[in-house]
Amino acid sequence: MISAGMIYDFIDSIAPFDTAMGFDNAGLLVGSRDTQSENVLCALDVTGSIIDEASRLGAKIIITHHPVIFDPLKKLESGSLVYRLASLGITVISAHTNLDIAPGGVNDTLAEALGVITEEGTDGDCMLIGRLEEETDAKLFALRIRNTLGCSGIRYSERNGKISTVAVACGAGGGSVFAAAGRRADAVVTGEIKHHEILFAHENNIAVFDTGHFRSEDLYINKLCSILGDHFQQARFLKAENDTDPMKYL
């Protein structure tokens, strides 16, 4: 058995919750530090199927990347996710932007997987800058990203010239193109990017690689399970089987 408080304190030691960005709502969001469980479920999000899975496994603790409560709740309906969690006595810890920017966190994991050697730490845009060991062109880099992350498809744009310096901004990190331009990046890899951000990148000769939000962060969940499992021997940390990308590509 392990308590939610022990897990919270350990995550706080490797990715301090007070480093989360101002708009974020990271922390222990449902339940109690005193909740104990032998099985702990890890996922990007809390969904109805994730709650069903936790209930089936007897997992009284769920760790997510995305906050299960993001905006203030004005009412608590019986069919809502938060109501179901509370009714079942399931505690949820959400580690979001604090985990994005932590050493060895989500951005670092994504960069390492893609062969981006980090040169500068993250900044206020939840972005890191690194370089490729060997420069490449946009299409070949897009293929590398697709194959490494297991994407069904990937959106990308070309640039005039090879790619060497890469900005990595997991999740909805498209806004990082502006900071990336200031750092003279050749490319931006992210999970979501808006049209005007793509246009800005194109005008500034920056290639864009949009992996889809899920694929840009899912890679870290297995790593988190391993980190927690190595540190706490008294519980099992399981990646949720129902933590899947709802998007399909034709």
Protein backbone atom coordinates (compact mmCIF):
# COMPACT_ATOMS: atom_id res chain seq x y z
CA MET A 1 0.00 0.00 0.00
CA ILE A 2 1.04 3.56 -0.66
CA SER A 3 -0.57 6.86 0.27
CA ALA A 4 -1.42 9.67 -2.11
CA GLY A 5 0.57 12.01 0.13
CA MET A 6 3.75 10.00 -0.38
CA ILE A 7 3.29 10.08 -4.14
CA TYR A 8 2.51 13.80 -4.12
CA ASP A 9 5.63 14.59 -2.09
CA PHE A 10 7.86 12.54 -4.39
CA ILE A 11 6.49 14.18 -7.55
CA ASP A 12 6.94 17.54 -5.83
CA SER A 13 10.61 16.68 -5.30
CA ILE A 14 11.28 15.97 -9.00
CA ALA A 15 8.80 18.44 -10.54
CA PRO A 16 7.84 21.03 -7.90
CA PHE A 17 4.16 21.91 -8.11
CA ASP A 18 4.93 25.57 -7.40
CA THR A 19 6.78 25.77 -10.74
CA ALA A 20 3.54 25.18 -12.67
CA MET A 21 2.50 28.11 -14.86
CA GLY A 22 0.03 30.64 -13.53
CA PHE A 23 -2.91 29.45 -15.64
CA ASP A 24 -2.43 25.85 -14.54
CA ASN A 25 -4.16 23.86 -11.80
CA ALA A 26 -1.68 21.17 -10.85
CA GLY A 27 -1.72 19.30 -7.55
CA LEU A 28 -3.90 16.97 -5.52
CA LEU A 29 -7.24 17.87 -7.07
CA VAL A 30 -9.67 15.21 -5.83
CA GLY A 31 -9.58 13.22 -2.61
CA SER A 32 -7.12 13.08 0.25
CA ARG A 33 -3.42 12.67 0.99
CA ASP A 34 -4.45 9.81 3.26
CA THR A 35 -5.93 7.68 0.46
CA GLN A 36 -4.05 4.38 0.19
CA SER A 37 -3.88 1.89 -2.65
CA GLU A 38 -1.89 -1.11 -3.86
CA ASN A 39 -2.54 -0.21 -7.51
CA VAL A 40 -1.99 3.29 -8.90
CA LEU A 41 -3.20 4.17 -12.39
CA CYS A 42 -1.24 6.65 -14.54
CA ALA A 43 -2.74 8.42 -17.56
CA LEU A 44 -2.72 11.64 -19.53
CA ASP A 45 -6.36 12.34 -18.62
CA VAL A 46 -9.21 11.21 -16.44
CA THR A 47 -12.06 9.92 -18.60
CA GLY A 48 -15.08 7.76 -17.85
CA SER A 49 -13.28 4.67 -19.14
CA ILE A 50 -10.24 5.47 -17.00
CA ILE A 51 -12.47 5.64 -13.91
CA ASP A 52 -14.03 2.30 -14.90
CA GLU A 53 -10.56 0.80 -15.24
CA ALA A 54 -9.43 2.15 -11.87
CA SER A 55 -12.56 0.78 -10.23
CA ARG A 56 -12.00 -2.64 -11.81
CA LEU A 57 -8.38 -2.74 -10.63
CA GLY A 58 -9.16 -1.42 -7.18
CA ALA A 59 -6.92 1.57 -7.85
CA LYS A 60 -7.85 4.28 -5.37
CA ILE A 61 -5.22 6.70 -6.72
CA ILE A 62 -4.94 8.07 -10.26
CA ILE A 63 -2.04 10.21 -11.46
CA THR A 64 -2.70 12.32 -14.55
CA HIS A 65 -0.79 14.83 -16.59
CA HIS A 66 -3.76 17.00 -17.50
CA PRO A 67 -5.69 18.47 -14.54
CA VAL A 68 -9.00 16.74 -13.87
CA ILE A 69 -10.25 20.14 -12.63
CA PHE A 70 -8.99 23.05 -14.72
CA ASP A 71 -11.60 25.79 -14.44
CA PRO A 72 -13.45 26.52 -11.17
CA LEU A 73 -16.47 24.27 -10.67
CA LYS A 74 -19.82 26.06 -10.40
CA LYS A 75 -21.83 22.89 -9.77
CA LEU A 76 -21.20 19.20 -9.22
CA GLU A 77 -23.55 17.02 -11.23
CA SER A 78 -24.00 13.35 -10.45
CA GLY A 79 -22.77 12.22 -13.87
CA SER A 80 -19.61 14.34 -13.89
CA LEU A 81 -16.13 12.86 -13.70
CA VAL A 82 -15.31 14.65 -10.44
CA TYR A 83 -18.54 13.44 -8.83
CA ARG A 84 -17.84 9.85 -9.87
CA LEU A 85 -14.29 10.04 -8.51
CA ALA A 86 -15.47 11.41 -5.17
CA SER A 87 -18.26 8.84 -4.96
CA LEU A 88 -15.80 6.00 -5.51
CA GLY A 89 -13.24 7.42 -3.08
CA ILE A 90 -10.60 7.82 -5.81
CA THR A 91 -7.90 10.45 -5.28
CA VAL A 92 -6.40 12.24 -8.29
CA ILE A 93 -3.01 13.94 -8.47
CA SER A 94 -2.39 15.99 -11.62
CA ALA A 95 1.14 17.08 -12.55
CA HIS A 96 0.95 19.31 -15.61
CA THR A 97 3.20 22.20 -16.63
CA ASN A 98 5.47 21.55 -13.65
CA LEU A 99 6.16 18.15 -15.21
CA ASP A 100 6.51 19.62 -18.71
CA ILE A 101 9.45 21.77 -17.68
CA ALA A 102 11.09 19.53 -15.06
CA PRO A 103 14.52 18.02 -15.79
CA GLY A 104 13.81 14.65 -17.37
CA GLY A 105 10.15 15.64 -17.69
CA VAL A 106 7.78 15.61 -20.63
CA ASN A 107 9.68 18.03 -22.88
CA ASP A 108 13.03 16.42 -22.15
CA THR A 109 11.58 12.96 -22.82
CA LEU A 110 10.10 14.05 -26.15
CA ALA A 111 13.33 15.74 -27.20
CA GLU A 112 15.46 12.74 -26.28
CA ALA A 113 13.20 10.35 -28.19
CA LEU A 114 13.51 12.49 -31.32
CA GLY A 115 17.28 12.82 -31.11
CA VAL A 116 17.24 16.47 -30.03
CA ILE A 117 20.22 17.19 -27.78
CA THR A 118 19.12 19.83 -25.30
CA GLU A 119 21.25 22.97 -25.19
CA GLU A 120 19.03 25.39 -23.27
CA GLY A 121 16.51 24.81 -20.52
CA THR A 122 12.83 25.57 -20.71
CA ASP A 123 11.47 29.08 -20.40
CA GLY A 124 8.12 30.71 -19.70
CA ASP A 125 6.75 29.13 -22.88
CA CYS A 126 7.35 25.58 -21.64
CA MET A 127 9.86 25.16 -24.44
CA LEU A 128 13.38 23.82 -24.76
CA ILE A 129 15.95 24.37 -27.48
CA GLY A 130 18.31 21.69 -28.74
CA ARG A 131 20.14 20.48 -31.80
CA LEU A 132 20.13 17.40 -33.94
CA GLU A 133 23.30 15.33 -34.09
CA GLU A 134 23.02 15.45 -37.87
CA GLU A 135 21.05 18.05 -39.78
CA THR A 136 18.17 16.81 -41.87
CA ASP A 137 15.32 18.04 -44.06
CA ALA A 138 11.71 18.54 -43.01
CA LYS A 139 10.26 15.44 -44.65
CA LEU A 140 12.84 13.08 -43.18
CA PHE A 141 12.41 14.65 -39.73
CA ALA A 142 8.63 14.32 -40.04
CA LEU A 143 9.05 10.62 -40.82
CA ARG A 144 11.34 10.21 -37.79
CA ILE A 145 8.80 11.89 -35.53
CA ARG A 146 5.89 9.86 -36.91
CA ASN A 147 7.68 6.54 -36.54
CA THR A 148 9.16 7.30 -33.11
CA LEU A 149 5.90 8.48 -31.55
CA GLY A 150 3.67 6.01 -33.36
CA CYS A 151 1.57 8.75 -34.95
CA SER A 152 -1.09 7.67 -37.43
CA GLY A 153 -0.32 10.90 -39.25
CA ILE A 154 1.58 14.13 -38.74
CA ARG A 155 1.19 17.70 -39.98
CA TYR A 156 4.36 19.49 -40.96
CA SER A 157 5.64 22.41 -42.98
CA GLU A 158 8.83 22.85 -44.98
CA ARG A 159 11.57 25.43 -44.59
CA ASN A 160 14.24 26.79 -46.89
CA GLY A 161 17.33 24.86 -45.79
CA LYS A 162 18.19 22.00 -43.50
CA ILE A 163 17.06 21.55 -39.89
CA SER A 164 19.63 21.59 -37.11
CA THR A 165 18.29 23.66 -34.19
CA VAL A 166 14.93 22.45 -32.87
CA ALA A 167 12.49 23.88 -30.34
CA VAL A 168 10.40 21.28 -28.48
CA ALA A 169 7.12 22.29 -26.83
CA CYS A 170 4.88 19.36 -25.89
CA GLY A 171 1.10 19.58 -25.76
CA ALA A 172 -0.52 22.84 -26.85
CA GLY A 173 2.85 24.49 -27.39
CA GLY A 174 2.25 26.19 -30.74
CA GLY A 175 2.60 29.62 -29.15
CA SER A 176 6.27 28.83 -28.60
CA VAL A 177 7.00 29.64 -32.27
CA PHE A 178 7.47 33.28 -31.29
CA ALA A 179 10.11 32.49 -28.69
CA ALA A 180 11.62 29.91 -31.06
CA ALA A 181 12.12 32.61 -33.68
CA GLY A 182 14.02 34.66 -31.10
CA ARG A 183 16.25 31.68 -30.45
CA ARG A 184 16.84 31.19 -34.21
CA ALA A 185 15.32 27.74 -34.23
CA ASP A 186 14.97 25.97 -37.57
CA ALA A 187 11.97 23.95 -36.44
CA VAL A 188 9.31 23.59 -33.75
CA VAL A 189 7.93 20.24 -32.61
CA THR A 190 4.67 20.49 -30.71
CA GLY A 191 1.36 18.75 -30.08
CA GLU A 192 -0.96 21.58 -31.12
CA ILE A 193 -0.49 24.72 -33.19
CA LYS A 194 -2.91 27.37 -34.45
CA HIS A 195 -3.16 28.71 -38.00
CA HIS A 196 -1.72 32.14 -37.25
CA GLU A 197 1.22 30.49 -35.47
CA ILE A 198 1.87 28.32 -38.52
CA LEU A 199 1.83 31.42 -40.72
CA PHE A 200 4.28 33.20 -38.42
CA ALA A 201 6.60 30.18 -38.51
CA HIS A 202 6.40 30.05 -42.31
CA GLU A 203 7.21 33.75 -42.62
CA ASN A 204 10.23 33.25 -40.36
CA ASN A 205 11.48 30.13 -42.18
CA ILE A 206 10.70 27.79 -39.28
CA ALA A 207 9.47 24.28 -40.05
CA VAL A 208 6.54 23.14 -37.91
CA PHE A 209 5.80 19.58 -36.80
CA ASP A 210 2.38 18.98 -35.24
CA THR A 211 2.28 15.48 -33.71
CA GLY A 212 -1.15 15.75 -32.12
CA HIS A 213 -1.48 16.59 -28.42
CA PHE A 214 -1.74 13.00 -27.20
CA ARG A 215 1.31 11.68 -29.05
CA SER A 216 3.52 14.54 -27.89
CA GLU A 217 3.02 13.58 -24.23
CA ASP A 218 1.94 9.93 -24.06
CA LEU A 219 5.58 8.82 -24.28
CA TYR A 220 6.19 10.12 -20.76
CA ILE A 221 3.48 8.10 -18.99
CA ASN A 222 5.38 4.79 -19.20
CA LYS A 223 8.48 6.60 -17.96
CA LEU A 224 6.55 8.03 -15.02
CA CYS A 225 5.29 4.56 -14.11
CA SER A 226 8.88 3.29 -14.12
CA ILE A 227 10.19 6.19 -12.03
CA LEU A 228 7.47 5.77 -9.42
CA GLY A 229 7.71 1.98 -9.44
CA ASP A 230 11.47 2.10 -8.87
CA HIS A 231 11.05 4.52 -5.96
CA PHE A 232 8.06 2.85 -4.31
CA GLN A 233 8.25 -0.93 -4.10
CA GLN A 234 5.06 -1.28 -2.07
CA ALA A 235 2.65 -0.51 -4.93
CA ARG A 236 2.11 -1.18 -8.62
CA PHE A 237 2.08 1.79 -11.00
CA LEU A 238 0.16 0.93 -14.15
CA LYS A 239 -0.31 2.84 -17.39
CA ALA A 240 -4.03 2.92 -18.04
CA GLU A 241 -5.02 0.67 -20.93
CA ASN A 242 -7.89 3.02 -21.75
CA ASP A 243 -5.58 6.03 -22.03
CA THR A 244 -5.74 6.24 -25.83
CA ASP A 245 -5.82 8.93 -28.50
CA PRO A 246 -9.44 9.58 -29.55
CA MET A 247 -8.32 11.16 -32.84
CA LYS A 248 -8.27 9.13 -36.04
CA TYR A 249 -6.48 9.98 -39.29
CA LEU A 250 -7.58 9.10 -42.82
